[in-house]
Protein backbone atom coordinates (compact mmCIF):
# COMPACT_ATOMS: atom_id res chain seq x y z
CA MET A 1 19.59 41.50 15.84
CA GLU A 2 19.34 38.19 17.11
CA LYS A 3 15.91 38.00 16.51
CA GLU A 4 16.64 38.76 13.07
CA LYS A 5 18.89 36.19 12.67
CA SER A 6 16.67 33.80 14.21
CA LYS A 7 13.86 34.56 11.71
CA LYS A 8 16.37 34.10 8.71
CA LYS A 9 17.73 30.95 10.20
CA PHE A 10 13.96 29.59 10.60
CA LEU A 11 13.41 30.84 7.05
CA SER A 12 16.36 28.80 5.57
CA PHE A 13 14.96 25.77 7.62
CA LYS A 14 11.69 26.15 5.95
CA THR A 15 13.39 26.54 2.59
CA ALA A 16 15.46 23.27 3.18
CA HIS A 17 12.50 21.09 4.44
CA ILE A 18 10.45 22.57 1.02
CA ILE A 19 13.44 21.40 -1.21
CA ILE A 20 13.43 17.83 0.72
CA ILE A 21 10.07 17.60 -0.28
CA ILE A 22 10.70 18.82 -4.00
CA LEU A 23 13.51 16.54 -4.70
CA GLY A 24 12.02 13.72 -2.66
CA THR A 25 8.94 13.70 -4.79
CA ILE A 26 11.06 13.95 -7.94
CA PHE A 27 12.75 10.96 -6.64
CA ILE A 28 10.16 8.51 -6.17
CA LEU A 29 8.64 9.31 -9.71
CA LEU A 30 11.59 8.61 -11.53
CA GLY A 31 10.87 4.74 -11.64
CA ALA A 32 7.09 5.48 -12.68
CA PHE A 33 6.83 6.29 -16.11
CA HIS A 34 6.57 2.53 -17.35
CA GLU A 35 3.39 0.74 -18.42
CA ASP A 36 4.26 -3.03 -17.13
CA ILE A 37 2.47 -4.60 -14.60
CA TRP A 38 2.26 -7.68 -12.53
CA PHE A 39 -1.03 -9.65 -11.52
CA ASP A 40 -2.20 -7.71 -8.57
CA GLU A 41 -1.69 -4.29 -10.70
CA SER A 42 -3.79 -6.26 -13.51
CA TYR A 43 -6.58 -6.95 -11.00
CA SER A 44 -6.57 -3.00 -10.47
CA VAL A 45 -6.33 -1.77 -13.74
CA ALA A 46 -9.34 -4.51 -15.03
CA ILE A 47 -11.55 -3.31 -11.95
CA ALA A 48 -11.15 0.41 -12.80
CA ASN A 49 -13.02 -0.32 -15.82
CA HIS A 50 -16.45 -1.41 -14.10
CA SER A 51 -18.88 0.73 -12.37
CA PHE A 52 -18.80 1.64 -8.79
CA SER A 53 -21.37 -0.86 -8.03
CA GLU A 54 -19.96 -3.63 -9.75
CA ILE A 55 -16.62 -2.82 -8.22
CA TRP A 56 -18.31 -3.19 -4.78
CA GLN A 57 -19.80 -6.31 -5.69
CA ILE A 58 -16.57 -7.96 -7.08
CA THR A 59 -14.08 -7.06 -4.72
CA GLY A 60 -16.56 -7.88 -1.77
CA ASN A 61 -15.31 -11.37 -3.20
CA ASP A 62 -11.85 -10.56 -3.44
CA VAL A 63 -9.79 -9.82 -0.45
CA HIS A 64 -9.59 -5.40 -0.27
CA PRO A 65 -12.22 -2.99 0.32
CA PRO A 66 -13.22 -0.84 -2.48
CA LEU A 67 -12.68 2.35 -1.80
CA TYR A 68 -9.08 2.57 -3.67
CA TYR A 69 -11.02 0.80 -6.59
CA TRP A 70 -13.54 3.57 -6.61
CA MET A 71 -10.80 6.13 -7.34
CA LEU A 72 -9.40 4.28 -9.44
CA HIS A 73 -12.57 4.54 -11.61
CA ILE A 74 -12.80 8.11 -11.11
CA LEU A 75 -9.17 8.25 -12.68
CA GLU A 76 -10.79 6.14 -15.45
CA LEU A 77 -13.73 8.05 -16.35
CA ILE A 78 -11.41 11.13 -16.57
CA PHE A 79 -8.62 9.86 -18.39
CA GLY A 80 -9.34 6.21 -19.68
CA SER A 81 -7.41 3.10 -18.78
CA ASN A 82 -3.92 4.64 -18.27
CA ILE A 83 -1.19 2.75 -16.36
CA THR A 84 0.99 5.78 -15.92
CA ILE A 85 -2.01 7.93 -14.42
CA TYR A 86 -2.51 5.09 -12.17
CA ARG A 87 0.98 4.85 -10.94
CA VAL A 88 1.57 8.55 -10.68
CA PHE A 89 -1.58 8.40 -8.48
CA SER A 90 0.03 5.78 -6.13
CA THR A 91 2.85 7.92 -5.91
CA LEU A 92 0.88 10.94 -5.28
CA ALA A 93 -0.26 9.85 -1.67
CA ILE A 94 3.41 9.49 -0.61
CA ALA A 95 4.31 12.57 -1.71
CA ILE A 96 1.32 13.87 0.24
CA VAL A 97 2.48 11.76 3.25
CA GLY A 98 5.83 13.41 2.87
CA ILE A 99 4.10 17.19 2.70
CA LEU A 100 2.20 16.19 6.08
CA GLY A 101 5.67 16.48 7.74
CA TYR A 102 6.10 20.11 6.29
CA THR A 103 2.49 21.28 7.01
CA TYR A 104 1.35 19.25 10.18
CA ILE A 105 4.28 17.35 11.70
CA ARG A 106 5.85 20.85 12.14
CA LYS A 107 3.31 22.59 13.77
CA ASP A 108 2.80 19.68 16.41
CA PHE A 109 6.04 18.69 17.21
CA GLY A 110 8.48 20.64 16.06
CA LYS A 111 10.73 21.39 12.91
CA ASN A 112 12.94 18.72 13.35
CA VAL A 113 10.97 15.88 13.51
CA GLY A 114 9.17 17.47 10.61
CA LEU A 115 11.89 17.45 8.19
CA LEU A 116 13.00 14.09 9.51
CA PHE A 117 9.69 13.06 8.49
CA SER A 118 9.43 14.34 5.08
CA PHE A 119 13.03 12.82 4.28
CA LEU A 120 12.19 9.22 5.83
CA THR A 121 8.99 9.09 3.71
CA PHE A 122 10.65 9.72 0.58
CA PHE A 123 14.07 8.02 1.08
CA LEU A 124 13.51 4.93 2.83
CA PRO A 125 14.67 2.15 0.28
CA VAL A 126 11.25 0.50 0.25
CA MET A 127 9.41 3.64 -0.96
CA SER A 128 11.24 3.37 -4.16
CA THR A 129 9.30 0.33 -5.17
CA TYR A 130 5.78 0.02 -3.28
CA SER A 131 4.90 3.88 -3.72
CA GLN A 132 4.87 3.18 -7.52
CA GLU A 133 2.77 0.20 -7.50
CA ILE A 134 -1.03 0.52 -8.95
CA ARG A 135 -2.19 -1.06 -5.41
CA MET A 136 -4.00 0.79 -2.52
CA TYR A 137 -1.03 0.75 -0.08
CA SER A 138 0.05 3.97 -0.57
CA TRP A 139 -3.31 5.56 -0.08
CA ALA A 140 -3.90 3.67 2.87
CA CYS A 141 -0.62 4.68 4.07
CA LEU A 142 -1.96 8.50 3.99
CA PHE A 143 -5.32 8.01 5.21
CA VAL A 144 -3.65 6.05 8.20
CA THR A 145 -1.38 8.90 9.07
CA VAL A 146 -3.79 11.75 9.07
CA MET A 147 -6.11 9.66 11.11
CA SER A 148 -3.08 9.10 13.26
CA ILE A 149 -2.08 12.67 13.64
CA TYR A 150 -5.78 14.16 14.42
CA GLY A 151 -6.40 11.23 16.67
CA TYR A 152 -3.31 12.14 18.63
CA ARG A 153 -4.50 16.06 18.37
CA LEU A 154 -7.82 14.87 20.04
CA TYR A 155 -5.77 13.05 22.74
CA LYS A 156 -3.76 16.16 23.15
CA ASN A 157 -6.13 18.48 23.59
CA ILE A 158 -7.98 16.70 26.39
CA LYS A 159 -4.63 16.04 28.00
CA GLU A 160 -4.12 19.55 28.10
CA LYS A 161 -7.45 20.73 29.07
CA GLY A 162 -6.62 20.26 32.90
CA GLN A 163 -6.40 23.62 33.83
CA LYS A 164 -9.69 25.73 34.12
CA LEU A 165 -10.63 27.49 30.73
CA THR A 166 -12.16 31.15 30.43
CA GLU A 167 -15.73 30.91 28.70
CA GLU A 168 -14.18 32.30 25.41
CA GLU A 169 -11.35 29.70 25.78
CA ASN A 170 -13.57 26.84 26.02
CA LYS A 171 -15.66 27.73 22.76
CA LYS A 172 -12.39 27.85 21.01
CA PHE A 173 -11.50 24.38 22.69
CA LYS A 174 -14.91 22.83 21.82
CA LYS A 175 -14.78 24.32 17.93
CA VAL A 176 -11.28 23.06 17.79
CA GLN A 177 -12.49 19.58 18.99
CA LEU A 178 -14.98 19.28 17.16
CA LYS A 179 -13.02 19.97 13.77
CA ASN A 180 -10.51 17.50 14.94
CA LEU A 181 -13.26 14.83 15.05
CA ILE A 182 -14.70 14.94 12.27
CA ILE A 183 -11.72 15.01 10.45
CA PHE A 184 -10.41 11.91 12.20
CA GLY A 185 -13.54 10.12 11.55
CA ILE A 186 -13.62 11.09 7.84
CA PHE A 187 -9.96 9.62 7.36
CA SER A 188 -11.16 6.85 9.72
CA VAL A 189 -13.70 5.47 7.83
CA CYS A 190 -11.34 5.98 4.47
CA SER A 191 -8.66 3.54 5.90
CA MET A 192 -11.49 1.21 6.85
CA TYR A 193 -12.68 1.15 3.69
CA THR A 194 -8.82 0.78 1.93
CA HIS A 195 -7.18 -1.98 3.56
CA TYR A 196 -8.10 -4.25 6.82
CA TYR A 197 -4.71 -2.99 8.35
CA SER A 198 -5.90 0.29 8.22
CA LEU A 199 -9.15 -0.74 9.49
CA MET A 200 -7.35 -2.67 12.18
CA THR A 201 -5.43 0.85 13.01
CA ALA A 202 -8.69 2.77 12.95
CA PHE A 203 -10.11 0.17 15.31
CA VAL A 204 -7.02 0.14 17.52
CA ILE A 205 -6.99 4.00 17.79
CA ASN A 206 -10.91 4.60 18.09
CA LEU A 207 -11.18 2.11 20.95
CA ALA A 208 -7.50 3.86 22.90
CA LEU A 209 -9.81 7.17 22.32
CA LEU A 210 -12.67 6.33 23.84
CA ILE A 211 -11.00 4.26 26.81
CA PHE A 212 -9.04 7.49 27.55
CA LEU A 213 -12.03 9.85 27.29
CA ILE A 214 -13.96 7.44 29.48
CA LYS A 215 -11.23 7.73 32.03
CA ASN A 216 -11.62 11.45 31.87
CA ARG A 217 -15.20 12.16 31.55
CA LYS A 218 -15.31 14.43 34.25
CA GLU A 219 -13.85 17.11 32.41
CA ASN A 220 -15.03 15.63 28.83
CA LYS A 221 -18.38 14.97 28.80
CA ASN A 222 -19.10 16.86 25.61
CA THR A 223 -16.53 15.33 24.02
CA LEU A 224 -16.74 11.81 25.40
CA ARG A 225 -20.49 12.30 23.93
CA ASN A 226 -19.67 13.56 20.50
CA PHE A 227 -16.92 10.46 20.40
CA ILE A 228 -19.57 7.82 20.79
CA ILE A 229 -21.91 9.80 18.32
CA LEU A 230 -19.17 9.43 16.06
CA GLY A 231 -18.26 6.20 16.63
CA ILE A 232 -21.55 4.71 16.20
CA ILE A 233 -21.76 6.87 12.80
CA GLN A 234 -18.68 4.69 11.82
CA VAL A 235 -19.80 1.69 12.70
CA ALA A 236 -23.02 2.47 10.62
CA LEU A 237 -21.15 3.70 7.34
CA TYR A 238 -19.46 0.25 7.94
CA ILE A 239 -22.18 -2.21 8.57
CA PRO A 240 -22.86 -2.81 4.46
CA TRP A 241 -19.38 -4.12 4.16
CA ILE A 242 -19.55 -6.54 7.36
CA TYR A 243 -20.79 -9.35 5.16
CA TYR A 244 -17.62 -9.04 2.94
CA LEU A 245 -15.14 -8.52 5.67
CA ILE A 246 -16.36 -12.07 7.11
CA ILE A 247 -16.72 -13.67 4.16
CA GLN A 248 -13.12 -12.62 2.87
CA MET A 249 -11.37 -13.55 6.54
CA LEU A 250 -12.82 -17.24 5.84
CA HIS A 251 -11.40 -17.36 2.37
CA VAL A 252 -8.22 -15.84 3.18
CA GLY A 253 -8.31 -18.65 6.05
CA GLY A 254 -8.26 -20.86 3.40
CA GLY A 255 -4.60 -19.53 2.27
CA PHE A 256 -3.53 -20.58 -0.78
CA TRP A 257 -0.82 -17.88 -0.59
CA ILE A 258 0.00 -16.18 2.38
CA THR A 259 2.12 -18.14 4.91
CA LEU A 260 4.21 -18.08 8.18
CA GLY A 261 7.65 -18.88 8.30
CA LEU A 262 10.87 -17.37 8.88
CA ASN A 263 10.89 -15.47 5.94
CA THR A 264 7.94 -13.47 7.27
CA ALA A 265 9.61 -12.74 10.28
CA ILE A 266 12.81 -11.46 8.14
CA GLU A 267 10.37 -9.39 5.87
CA VAL A 268 8.23 -8.03 8.56
CA ILE A 269 11.58 -6.69 10.68
CA SER A 270 13.23 -5.28 7.73
CA PHE A 271 10.56 -4.10 5.75
CA GLN A 272 10.97 -0.47 5.39
CA PHE A 273 14.79 -1.16 4.42
CA MET A 274 13.57 -3.57 1.73
CA ARG A 275 13.56 -3.05 -1.84
CA GLN A 276 11.85 -6.02 -3.11
CA LEU A 277 9.95 -8.90 -1.14
CA ASN A 278 10.55 -12.60 -1.88
CA THR A 279 13.89 -12.31 -2.95
CA GLY A 280 15.31 -15.03 -1.06
CA LEU A 281 18.63 -14.70 1.33
CA ASN A 282 20.96 -12.53 -0.63
CA ILE A 283 22.69 -9.45 0.12
CA GLU A 284 19.51 -7.38 -0.61
CA THR A 285 17.90 -9.15 2.19
CA ILE A 286 21.02 -9.23 4.69
CA THR A 287 21.70 -5.41 4.47
CA ALA A 288 17.66 -4.65 5.21
CA LEU A 289 17.72 -7.30 7.78
CA ILE A 290 21.32 -5.62 9.67
CA ALA A 291 19.78 -1.70 8.72
CA SER A 292 16.51 -2.58 10.55
CA ILE A 293 17.95 -4.27 13.25
CA LEU A 294 20.47 -1.49 14.07
CA THR A 295 17.50 1.02 13.50
CA TYR A 296 15.51 -0.63 16.30
CA ILE A 297 18.59 -0.62 18.44
CA TYR A 298 19.22 2.77 17.93
CA ILE A 299 15.56 3.44 19.04
CA ILE A 300 15.57 1.65 22.14
CA ALA A 301 19.06 3.64 23.18
CA ARG A 302 17.29 6.82 22.25
CA ILE A 303 14.22 5.93 24.58
CA ILE A 304 16.48 4.85 27.56
CA LYS A 305 18.81 8.18 26.86
CA SER A 306 15.42 10.27 26.81
CA LYS A 307 14.43 8.72 29.85
CA LYS A 308 17.40 9.60 32.07
CA GLU A 309 17.13 13.18 30.57
CA ASN A 310 13.70 13.22 31.73
CA LYS A 311 12.72 13.87 28.07
CA SER A 312 8.91 13.79 27.13
CA ILE A 313 9.01 10.93 24.74
CA LYS A 314 5.43 10.17 24.89
CA PRO A 315 4.21 10.61 21.18
CA GLY A 316 6.93 8.83 19.87
CA ILE A 317 6.12 5.68 22.36
CA ILE A 318 2.67 5.80 21.43
CA ALA A 319 3.45 5.56 17.98
CA LEU A 320 6.24 2.99 18.67
CA ILE A 321 3.17 0.80 20.58
CA LEU A 322 0.55 1.38 17.89
CA TYR A 323 2.94 0.23 15.26
CA ILE A 324 3.76 -2.94 17.13
CA THR A 325 0.35 -3.70 18.06
CA ILE A 326 -0.99 -3.90 14.39
CA ILE A 327 1.55 -6.59 13.65
CA LEU A 328 0.97 -8.17 16.98
CA ILE A 329 -2.70 -8.49 16.29
CA MET A 330 -2.10 -9.54 12.67
CA LEU A 331 0.44 -12.29 14.14
CA ALA A 332 -2.52 -13.57 16.69
CA ILE A 333 -4.84 -13.88 13.60
CA SER A 334 -2.50 -15.42 11.58
CA LEU A 335 -2.09 -18.27 13.53
CA ILE A 336 -5.89 -18.76 12.69
CA SER A 337 -6.05 -17.24 9.41
CA PRO A 338 -3.06 -16.27 7.64
CA ILE A 339 -3.24 -12.13 7.06
CA LEU A 340 0.35 -11.41 8.14
CA TYR A 341 2.04 -9.99 4.87
CA ALA A 342 5.04 -7.42 5.21
CA ARG A 343 3.93 -5.79 1.94
CA TYR A 344 0.75 -4.83 4.13
CA LEU A 345 3.04 -2.67 6.31
CA LEU A 346 3.42 -0.13 3.77
CA VAL A 347 -0.35 1.02 5.22
CA ILE A 348 1.10 1.63 8.70
CA THR A 349 4.73 3.18 7.44
CA GLY A 350 3.67 6.55 8.58
CA ILE A 351 3.53 5.67 11.94
CA TYR A 352 7.10 4.22 12.05
CA ILE A 353 8.34 7.06 9.83
CA PHE A 354 7.06 9.09 12.78
CA PHE A 355 8.68 7.43 15.62
CA LEU A 356 12.09 6.84 14.16
CA SER A 357 11.94 10.59 12.88
CA PHE A 358 11.02 11.52 16.34
CA PHE A 359 13.41 9.87 18.30
CA MET A 360 16.22 10.83 15.63
CA ALA A 361 14.94 14.77 16.57
CA THR A 362 15.98 13.66 20.52
CA GLU A 363 19.22 13.39 19.35
CA LYS A 364 21.69 15.61 20.39
CA ARG A 365 24.65 14.58 18.78
CA LYS A 366 23.53 16.34 15.30
CA VAL A 367 26.76 14.33 13.61
CA ILE A 368 24.76 11.00 14.22
CA THR A 369 21.79 12.06 12.97
CA PHE A 370 23.45 13.41 9.66
CA ILE A 371 25.45 9.77 9.65
CA ILE A 372 21.82 7.87 9.92
CA CYS A 373 20.35 10.06 7.04
CA VAL A 374 23.58 9.91 4.82
CA ILE A 375 23.24 6.18 4.93
CA ILE A 376 19.42 5.76 4.40
CA THR A 377 20.08 7.93 1.10
CA ILE A 378 22.78 5.87 0.34
CA LEU A 379 20.39 2.89 0.64
CA GLY A 380 17.40 4.45 -0.66
CA THR A 381 19.42 5.82 -3.60
CA ILE A 382 20.49 2.17 -4.51
CA SER A 383 17.21 0.97 -3.77
CA ASN A 384 15.84 3.63 -6.18
CA ILE A 385 18.44 2.66 -9.19
CA LYS A 386 17.59 -0.78 -9.03
CA THR A 387 14.29 -0.12 -9.23
CA ILE A 388 14.66 1.95 -12.28
CA HIS A 389 16.89 -0.32 -13.85
CA THR A 390 14.10 -3.04 -13.27
CA ASN A 391 10.91 -0.80 -14.37
CA TYR A 392 12.66 0.50 -17.83
CA ASP A 393 14.25 -2.78 -18.72
CA GLU A 394 13.73 -3.39 -22.46
CA SER A 395 12.26 -6.43 -21.78
CA ASN A 396 9.20 -5.47 -19.83
CA MET A 397 6.80 -4.90 -22.73
CA LYS A 398 8.55 -7.17 -25.42
CA GLN A 399 5.29 -9.87 -24.75
CA ILE A 400 2.75 -6.98 -25.25
CA GLU A 401 4.19 -5.41 -28.46
CA TYR A 402 4.45 -8.85 -29.75
CA LEU A 403 0.64 -9.37 -29.14
CA ARG A 404 -0.70 -5.92 -30.22
CA GLU A 405 1.71 -6.39 -33.56
CA ASN A 406 0.24 -9.97 -34.30
CA ILE A 407 -3.19 -10.67 -32.64
CA LYS A 408 -6.56 -10.01 -34.45
CA GLU A 409 -10.17 -9.06 -33.48
CA ASP A 410 -11.70 -12.22 -33.38
CA ASP A 411 -8.86 -14.33 -31.88
CA ILE A 412 -9.12 -15.73 -28.76
CA ILE A 413 -6.71 -16.16 -25.67
CA ILE A 414 -6.53 -19.04 -23.14
CA TYR A 415 -4.14 -19.43 -19.81
CA LYS A 416 -3.89 -21.82 -17.29
CA ASN A 417 -1.46 -19.50 -15.17
CA VAL A 418 -3.87 -16.59 -14.15
CA PHE A 419 -0.56 -14.24 -12.84
CA ASN A 420 0.91 -14.01 -16.45
CA GLY A 421 -2.62 -14.57 -18.06
CA GLY A 422 -4.36 -11.38 -15.67
CA VAL A 423 -1.35 -9.17 -17.29
CA ILE A 424 -2.68 -9.77 -20.41
CA ALA A 425 -6.38 -9.90 -19.70
CA ALA A 426 -5.58 -6.29 -18.75
CA PHE A 427 -4.03 -5.33 -21.89
CA PHE A 428 -6.18 -7.03 -24.25
CA PRO A 429 -10.20 -7.07 -22.57
CA GLU A 430 -11.08 -6.50 -26.03
CA ASN A 431 -10.08 -10.35 -26.63
CA LYS A 432 -12.41 -12.88 -25.63
CA GLN A 433 -10.16 -14.90 -23.10
CA TYR A 434 -10.47 -18.11 -21.27
CA PHE A 435 -8.73 -19.02 -17.66
CA TYR A 436 -8.29 -22.64 -17.49
CA ASN A 437 -8.90 -23.15 -13.64
CA SER A 438 -7.09 -26.53 -13.19
CA GLU A 439 -7.12 -26.26 -9.42
CA TYR A 440 -10.54 -25.26 -8.77
CA TRP A 441 -9.84 -22.13 -7.33
CA ASN A 442 -13.15 -20.43 -5.59
CA VAL A 443 -12.34 -17.19 -7.57
CA GLU A 444 -15.33 -17.08 -9.99
CA GLU A 445 -17.03 -13.76 -8.49
CA ALA A 446 -13.32 -12.01 -7.67
CA TYR A 447 -12.22 -12.57 -11.23
CA LYS A 448 -15.03 -10.76 -12.89
CA ALA A 449 -12.78 -7.96 -12.56
CA PHE A 450 -11.38 -9.16 -15.88
CA GLY A 451 -14.95 -9.47 -17.04
CA PRO A 452 -16.40 -9.43 -19.45
CA GLY A 453 -13.44 -10.52 -21.81
CA MET A 454 -12.53 -13.22 -19.41
CA GLU A 455 -14.38 -16.41 -18.91
CA ILE A 456 -13.23 -19.11 -16.28
CA ILE A 457 -13.43 -22.73 -17.47
CA TYR A 458 -12.81 -26.23 -16.16
CA SER A 459 -12.49 -27.97 -19.05
CA TYR A 460 -10.81 -26.96 -22.84
CA MET A 461 -13.74 -28.75 -24.60
CA ASP A 462 -15.98 -25.78 -23.36
CA VAL A 463 -14.29 -23.76 -25.56
CA LEU A 464 -12.90 -26.00 -28.42
CA GLU A 465 -16.05 -27.72 -29.09
CA ASN A 466 -17.96 -25.16 -31.32
CA TYR A 467 -14.82 -23.11 -32.11
CA GLN A 468 -12.85 -22.07 -35.10
CA GLY A 469 -10.18 -19.91 -35.65
CA ARG A 470 -7.05 -18.47 -34.22
CA ILE A 471 -6.05 -19.50 -30.57
CA TRP A 472 -3.32 -17.87 -28.34
CA LEU A 473 -2.01 -19.85 -25.54
CA ILE A 474 -0.27 -17.57 -22.83
CA ASP A 475 2.20 -20.31 -21.25
CA THR A 476 4.93 -20.32 -18.66
CA GLU A 477 8.34 -21.68 -18.17
CA ASN A 478 7.67 -25.18 -18.15
CA LEU A 479 4.97 -24.99 -21.18
CA GLU A 480 2.51 -26.81 -18.99
CA LEU A 481 -0.85 -25.92 -20.81
CA TYR A 482 0.83 -26.36 -24.08
CA GLN A 483 1.63 -29.83 -23.45
CA GLU A 484 -1.42 -30.96 -22.24
CA PHE A 485 -3.65 -29.06 -24.76
CA PRO A 486 -5.91 -31.05 -27.19
CA LYS A 487 -3.94 -31.13 -30.70
CA GLU A 488 -6.05 -33.14 -32.63
CA GLY A 489 -7.79 -30.57 -35.60
CA ILE A 490 -5.39 -28.06 -34.56
CA THR A 491 -1.92 -26.24 -36.21
CA VAL A 492 0.45 -24.47 -34.53
CA LEU A 493 1.15 -21.36 -36.57
CA GLU A 494 3.55 -19.92 -34.63
CA GLY A 495 5.68 -20.43 -31.21
CA PRO A 496 6.44 -21.24 -28.53
CA THR A 497 7.84 -17.89 -28.43
CA LYS A 498 9.47 -16.82 -24.97
CA PHE A 499 10.00 -13.42 -23.15
CA ASN A 500 11.13 -12.95 -19.46
CA THR A 501 10.35 -9.57 -18.17
CA LYS A 502 12.77 -7.89 -16.17
CA TYR A 503 9.82 -6.39 -13.81
CA GLN A 504 8.86 -9.11 -11.12
CA ASN A 505 10.40 -11.64 -13.40
CA TYR A 506 7.51 -13.15 -15.18
CA THR A 507 7.89 -15.21 -18.16
CA TYR A 508 5.58 -15.63 -20.94
CA ASN A 509 5.61 -18.51 -23.50
CA ILE A 510 3.02 -17.61 -26.03
CA ILE A 511 1.90 -20.21 -28.80
CA LEU A 512 -0.20 -19.48 -31.86
CA LEU A 513 -2.56 -22.06 -32.70
CA GLU A 514 -5.67 -22.54 -35.41
CA LYS A 515 -8.59 -24.88 -34.68
CA GLN A 516 -10.37 -25.83 -38.55
């Protein structure tokens, strides 16, 4: 009778877990069905239109590896250039991370850890924003999480092999280890080619496993040999990209936008509880910072308590150390070449979610766990409501609608600010356009992503000398481009017409000119 009750309880727990995954997936999808984009997303949309070989060459001169852009290009080949499809594709990766709580984490670490892992994946405040961006972060998060799971499985199997195995058990062990090695290797390489934070995570995990295997080589000669072979294969597969990695590190070292300061520290500490970065010191930032600090205090308290109770908390400790190690490495590198940026932490947020869910699951007082979950649900819901309100604001597509109604096939477009200009480039690739690179950024190769429609110029005369026809200026708040643009022989037909978008707070001043 008790077995029957226990089975029913387990089945109801599994049902609750599945319901959380379904509701969580719907939750993060709620704000995803809109078409407005900001500059980083416009880069993804634009580069997806290029061939696989072109993507390799172009992104080699940008700041990210090519795998995500290749994945987008496959979508583009199937569905065409579709912003909604691209956005849902990003959200799909986070949905799969949430499902890992049911399929992997539950199996390896227990039902409570698995349930909490899925819950946190969907309802942490950061997820309602960054899971929907048309960028590589969500897929890098998935690859890193799967890689970490299989890395830990390799470690655990080696650790548990201390006792003598029968011949049959040894065969089974070798088969399992080989499978784990192969899957680990696949997701390690995927991580390397998706983002540099996931590359660093792959490097740290591979190195840690290699050191551990060397220390335990007597009982694991075959596994060590296979792991070394796997390492050589990974290095060989990454060699074609090493040249670009060096170039990109030097490029970011020039640092025209990543900086270190107090804001960086606040954002790095509180990232998982933030809805949006770069919002200044306001109620959202303060709430996120307080929630994050309290969370870390709680984790420390759980570690101390578990130690006193002689509970095994090694998996949580390993994940916590790995997460902190990646941040410290990026901080150390940033002292030479600034690469520590809070948004990139989404890549390793699966690791953060794991150690938080692991330590929460050690909590005996279920009321505490319940209160934490309620607070996270409230913060996540407030974050998502704000995200939905922002994403579906009627202002977001007005500038695009205006241009669609008025632009003609032979009209050209000129912009000095590439951020709002890049958005226009992604929406109107068929119109010839020019980015006036007045600050001489070294971006000619990287911005081929917007080609062939976009061309970089360093003087207006490069365009105007032999041109007759209509010109659209895409300007910003202060009309800097319009004020300095040559007026001789040019008539203003319309504008400046101003548009402010709620999404990313972009300003567009659009002026239609004609040159006789």
